[in-house]
C-alpha atoms as a PDB file:
ATOM      1  CA  MET A   1       0.001   0.041   0.023  1.00  0.00           C
ATOM      2  CA  LYS A   2       1.356   3.306  -1.046  1.00  0.00           C
ATOM      3  CA  GLN A   3       0.800   6.830   0.483  1.00  0.00           C
ATOM      4  CA  VAL A   4      -0.276   9.498  -1.994  1.00  0.00           C
ATOM      5  CA  GLU A   5      -0.602  13.103  -1.246  1.00  0.00           C
ATOM      6  CA  VAL A   6      -3.214  14.915  -3.214  1.00  0.00           C
ATOM      7  CA  GLN A   7      -5.079  18.207  -3.172  1.00  0.00           C
ATOM      8  CA  ILE A   8      -8.783  18.780  -3.316  1.00  0.00           C
ATOM      9  CA  MET A   9     -10.082  22.347  -3.334  1.00  0.00           C
ATOM     10  CA  GLN A  10      -6.498  23.541  -2.233  1.00  0.00           C
ATOM     11  CA  GLN A  11      -6.679  21.174   0.749  1.00  0.00           C
ATOM     12  CA  SER A  12      -3.873  18.445   1.153  1.00  0.00           C
ATOM     13  CA  TYR A  13      -4.915  14.958   1.890  1.00  0.00           C
ATOM     14  CA  LEU A  14      -2.682  11.838   2.411  1.00  0.00           C
ATOM     15  CA  LEU A  15      -4.518   8.778   0.914  1.00  0.00           C
ATOM     16  CA  ALA A  16      -3.539   5.099   1.019  1.00  0.00           C
ATOM     17  CA  CYS A  17      -3.523   3.495  -2.540  1.00  0.00           C
ATOM     18  CA  PRO A  18      -2.859  -0.020  -3.630  1.00  0.00           C
ATOM     19  CA  ASP A  19       0.457  -0.303  -5.501  1.00  0.00           C
ATOM     20  CA  GLY A  20       0.031   0.225  -9.264  1.00  0.00           C
ATOM     21  CA  ARG A  21      -3.293   2.067  -8.935  1.00  0.00           C
ATOM     22  CA  GLU A  22      -1.947   5.543  -8.330  1.00  0.00           C
ATOM     23  CA  SER A  23      -2.906   6.746 -11.691  1.00  0.00           C
ATOM     24  CA  ARG A  24      -6.692   5.740 -11.081  1.00  0.00           C
ATOM     25  CA  LEU A  25      -6.616   7.437  -7.769  1.00  0.00           C
ATOM     26  CA  LEU A  26      -5.180  10.664  -9.208  1.00  0.00           C
ATOM     27  CA  ASP A  27      -7.807  10.510 -11.901  1.00  0.00           C
ATOM     28  CA  ALA A  28     -10.523  10.060  -9.416  1.00  0.00           C
ATOM     29  CA  VAL A  29      -9.091  13.046  -7.391  1.00  0.00           C
ATOM     30  CA  GLU A  30      -9.098  15.241 -10.346  1.00  0.00           C
ATOM     31  CA  ARG A  31     -12.601  14.422 -11.179  1.00  0.00           C
ATOM     32  CA  LEU A  32     -13.768  15.028  -7.633  1.00  0.00           C
ATOM     33  CA  ASP A  33     -11.745  18.230  -7.345  1.00  0.00           C
ATOM     34  CA  THR A  34     -13.291  19.624 -10.718  1.00  0.00           C
ATOM     35  CA  ALA A  35     -16.853  18.618  -9.532  1.00  0.00           C
ATOM     36  CA  MET A  36     -16.408  20.208  -6.079  1.00  0.00           C
ATOM     37  CA  CYS A  37     -14.927  23.423  -7.588  1.00  0.00           C
ATOM     38  CA  LYS A  38     -17.881  23.851  -9.933  1.00  0.00           C
ATOM     39  CA  ILE A  39     -20.194  23.545  -6.986  1.00  0.00           C
ATOM     40  CA  ARG A  40     -18.241  26.117  -4.929  1.00  0.00           C
ATOM     41  CA  ASP A  41     -17.875  28.341  -7.872  1.00  0.00           C
ATOM     42  CA  ALA A  42     -21.679  28.354  -8.509  1.00  0.00           C
ATOM     43  CA  GLY A  43     -21.702  30.345  -5.268  1.00  0.00           C
ATOM     44  CA  LYS A  44     -24.625  28.723  -3.463  1.00  0.00           C
ATOM     45  CA  VAL A  45     -22.645  26.507  -1.044  1.00  0.00           C
ATOM     46  CA  ARG A  46     -19.504  27.541   0.730  1.00  0.00           C
ATOM     47  CA  ALA A  47     -18.910  24.821   3.407  1.00  0.00           C
ATOM     48  CA  ARG A  48     -16.428  22.302   2.206  1.00  0.00           C
ATOM     49  CA  ASP A  49     -18.298  19.381   3.833  1.00  0.00           C
ATOM     50  CA  ARG A  50     -21.624  20.389   2.079  1.00  0.00           C
ATOM     51  CA  ILE A  51     -19.715  20.748  -1.297  1.00  0.00           C
ATOM     52  CA  ALA A  52     -18.411  17.224  -0.829  1.00  0.00           C
ATOM     53  CA  VAL A  53     -21.799  15.880  -0.046  1.00  0.00           C
ATOM     54  CA  LEU A  54     -23.428  17.525  -3.125  1.00  0.00           C
ATOM     55  CA  ALA A  55     -20.510  16.126  -5.296  1.00  0.00           C
ATOM     56  CA  ALA A  56     -21.038  12.685  -3.846  1.00  0.00           C
ATOM     57  CA  LEU A  57     -24.619  12.844  -4.534  1.00  0.00           C
ATOM     58  CA  ASN A  58     -24.129  13.933  -8.201  1.00  0.00           C
ATOM     59  CA  PHE A  59     -21.736  11.007  -8.572  1.00  0.00           C
ATOM     60  CA  ALA A  60     -24.293   8.636  -7.051  1.00  0.00           C
ATOM     61  CA  PHE A  61     -27.021   9.868  -9.395  1.00  0.00           C
ATOM     62  CA  GLU A  62     -24.688   9.351 -12.466  1.00  0.00           C
ATOM     63  CA  LEU A  63     -23.732   5.816 -11.192  1.00  0.00           C
ATOM     64  CA  ALA A  64     -27.484   5.178 -10.619  1.00  0.00           C
ATOM     65  CA  ASP A  65     -28.118   6.405 -14.270  1.00  0.00           C
ATOM     66  CA  ARG A  66     -25.474   4.128 -15.662  1.00  0.00           C
ATOM     67  CA  GLU A  67     -26.740   1.181 -13.791  1.00  0.00           C
ATOM     68  CA  ASN A  68     -30.214   1.833 -14.867  1.00  0.00           C
ATOM     69  CA  ALA A  69     -29.185   2.154 -18.500  1.00  0.00           C
ATOM     70  CA  GLU A  70     -27.233  -1.181 -18.337  1.00  0.00           C
ATOM     71  CA  LEU A  71     -30.272  -2.936 -16.783  1.00  0.00           C
ATOM     72  CA  GLN A  72     -32.582  -1.504 -19.374  1.00  0.00           C
ATOM     73  CA  ALA A  73     -30.149  -2.567 -22.184  1.00  0.00           C
ATOM     74  CA  GLN A  74     -29.869  -6.034 -20.890  1.00  0.00           C
ATOM     75  CA  ALA A  75     -33.710  -6.298 -20.580  1.00  0.00           C
ATOM     76  CA  GLN A  76     -34.028  -5.045 -24.158  1.00  0.00           C
ATOM     77  CA  ALA A  77     -31.341  -7.499 -25.340  1.00  0.00           C
ATOM     78  CA  ARG A  78     -33.296 -10.379 -23.704  1.00  0.00           C
ATOM     79  CA  GLN A  79     -36.643  -9.371 -25.237  1.00  0.00           C
ATOM     80  CA  ALA A  80     -35.410  -8.577 -28.710  1.00  0.00           C
ATOM     81  CA  PRO A  81     -32.291 -10.462 -30.051  1.00  0.00           C
ATOM     82  CA  THR A  82     -31.694  -7.854 -32.593  1.00  0.00           C
ATOM     83  CA  SER A  83     -28.876  -5.436 -31.764  1.00  0.00           C
ATOM     84  CA  GLN A  84     -30.085  -2.118 -30.520  1.00  0.00           C
ATOM     85  CA  PRO A  85     -27.890   0.803 -29.160  1.00  0.00           C
ATOM     86  CA  ALA A  86     -28.063   1.106 -25.412  1.00  0.00           C
ATOM     87  CA  PRO A  87     -30.261   4.127 -24.143  1.00  0.00           C
ATOM     88  CA  GLN A  88     -28.199   7.025 -23.063  1.00  0.00           C
ATOM     89  CA  PRO A  89     -28.549   7.844 -19.403  1.00  0.00           C
ATOM     90  CA  ALA A  90     -30.149  11.215 -18.458  1.00  0.00           C
ATOM     91  CA  ALA A  91     -27.993  13.823 -17.100  1.00  0.00           C
ATOM     92  CA  ALA A  92     -28.006  13.964 -13.309  1.00  0.00           C
ATOM     93  CA  ASP A  93     -29.035  17.591 -13.221  1.00  0.00           C
ATOM     94  CA  ASN A  94     -32.277  16.663 -15.235  1.00  0.00           C
ATOM     95  CA  LEU A  95     -33.518  13.961 -12.865  1.00  0.00           C
ATOM     96  CA  THR A  96     -36.797  14.094 -11.298  1.00  0.00           C
ATOM     97  CA  ALA A  97     -38.013  11.944  -8.434  1.00  0.00           C
ATOM     98  CA  GLY A  98     -40.211   9.943 -10.817  1.00  0.00           C
ATOM     99  CA  ALA A  99     -37.252   9.110 -13.163  1.00  0.00           C
ATOM    100  CA  LEU A 100     -35.761   6.926 -10.449  1.00  0.00           C
ATOM    101  CA  SER A 101     -36.710   3.267  -9.851  1.00  0.00           C
ATOM    102  CA  GLU A 102     -37.900   2.182  -6.508  1.00  0.00           C
ATOM    103  CA  HIS A 103     -34.540   0.475  -5.892  1.00  0.00           C
ATOM    104  CA  ASP A 104     -32.564   3.634  -6.946  1.00  0.00           C
ATOM    105  CA  THR A 105     -34.808   5.645  -4.633  1.00  0.00           C
ATOM    106  CA  GLN A 106     -34.120   3.379  -1.735  1.00  0.00           C
ATOM    107  CA  ARG A 107     -30.409   3.438  -2.404  1.00  0.00           C
ATOM    108  CA  LEU A 108     -30.418   7.310  -2.539  1.00  0.00           C
ATOM    109  CA  ASN A 109     -32.445   7.566   0.702  1.00  0.00           C
ATOM    110  CA  GLN A 110     -29.921   5.223   2.350  1.00  0.00           C
ATOM    111  CA  LEU A 111     -27.058   7.294   1.013  1.00  0.00           C
ATOM    112  CA  ILE A 112     -28.658  10.492   2.360  1.00  0.00           C
ATOM    113  CA  ARG A 113     -29.243   8.926   5.761  1.00  0.00           C
ATOM    114  CA  GLN A 114     -25.513   7.840   5.937  1.00  0.00           C
ATOM    115  CA  LEU A 115     -24.390  11.397   4.888  1.00  0.00           C
ATOM    116  CA  ASP A 116     -26.740  12.908   7.526  1.00  0.00           C
ATOM    117  CA  ASN A 117     -25.179  10.648  10.137  1.00  0.00           C
ATOM    118  CA  ALA A 118     -21.676  11.599   8.873  1.00  0.00           C
ATOM    119  CA  LEU A 119     -22.543  15.162   9.104  1.00  0.00           C
ATOM    120  CA  GLY A 120     -23.653  14.625  12.764  1.00  0.00           C
ATOM    121  CA  GLY A 121     -24.166  17.866  14.664  1.00  0.00           C
ATOM    122  CA  ASP A 122     -23.601  20.007  11.606  1.00  0.00           C
ATOM    123  CA  GLY A 123     -27.164  19.368  10.410  1.00  0.00           C
ATOM    124  CA  HIS A 124     -28.928  17.370   7.751  1.00  0.00           C
ATOM    125  CA  LEU A 125     -28.552  17.650   4.127  1.00  0.00           C
ATOM    126  CA  ILE A 126     -32.242  17.399   3.248  1.00  0.00           C
END
């Protein structure tokens, strides 16, 4: 296990990383830093922990969209053996509550509860 020092929103962090996976970690850090800076620069949220929570939720929505698209593509492939392009996931910013499956809604609610617990006395996200 290797120690890698990174910066996210001008804050240094020392992270443990499996040997040979440093480039993937650095890519993830860059993606997170970009997402958090966009949220900060939008001017609506200033607290670093709140920005991190919002970035995590955006990534969770993106992941849920991708998983949903993969499941839909698999279901379509089973129903119609002809090859069809996989549906494109909706952008996380354009999601409405009705666009999520019951499973995704449950996962999102669980994530929000975990984030609220992590924030502790700082308050609740939603």
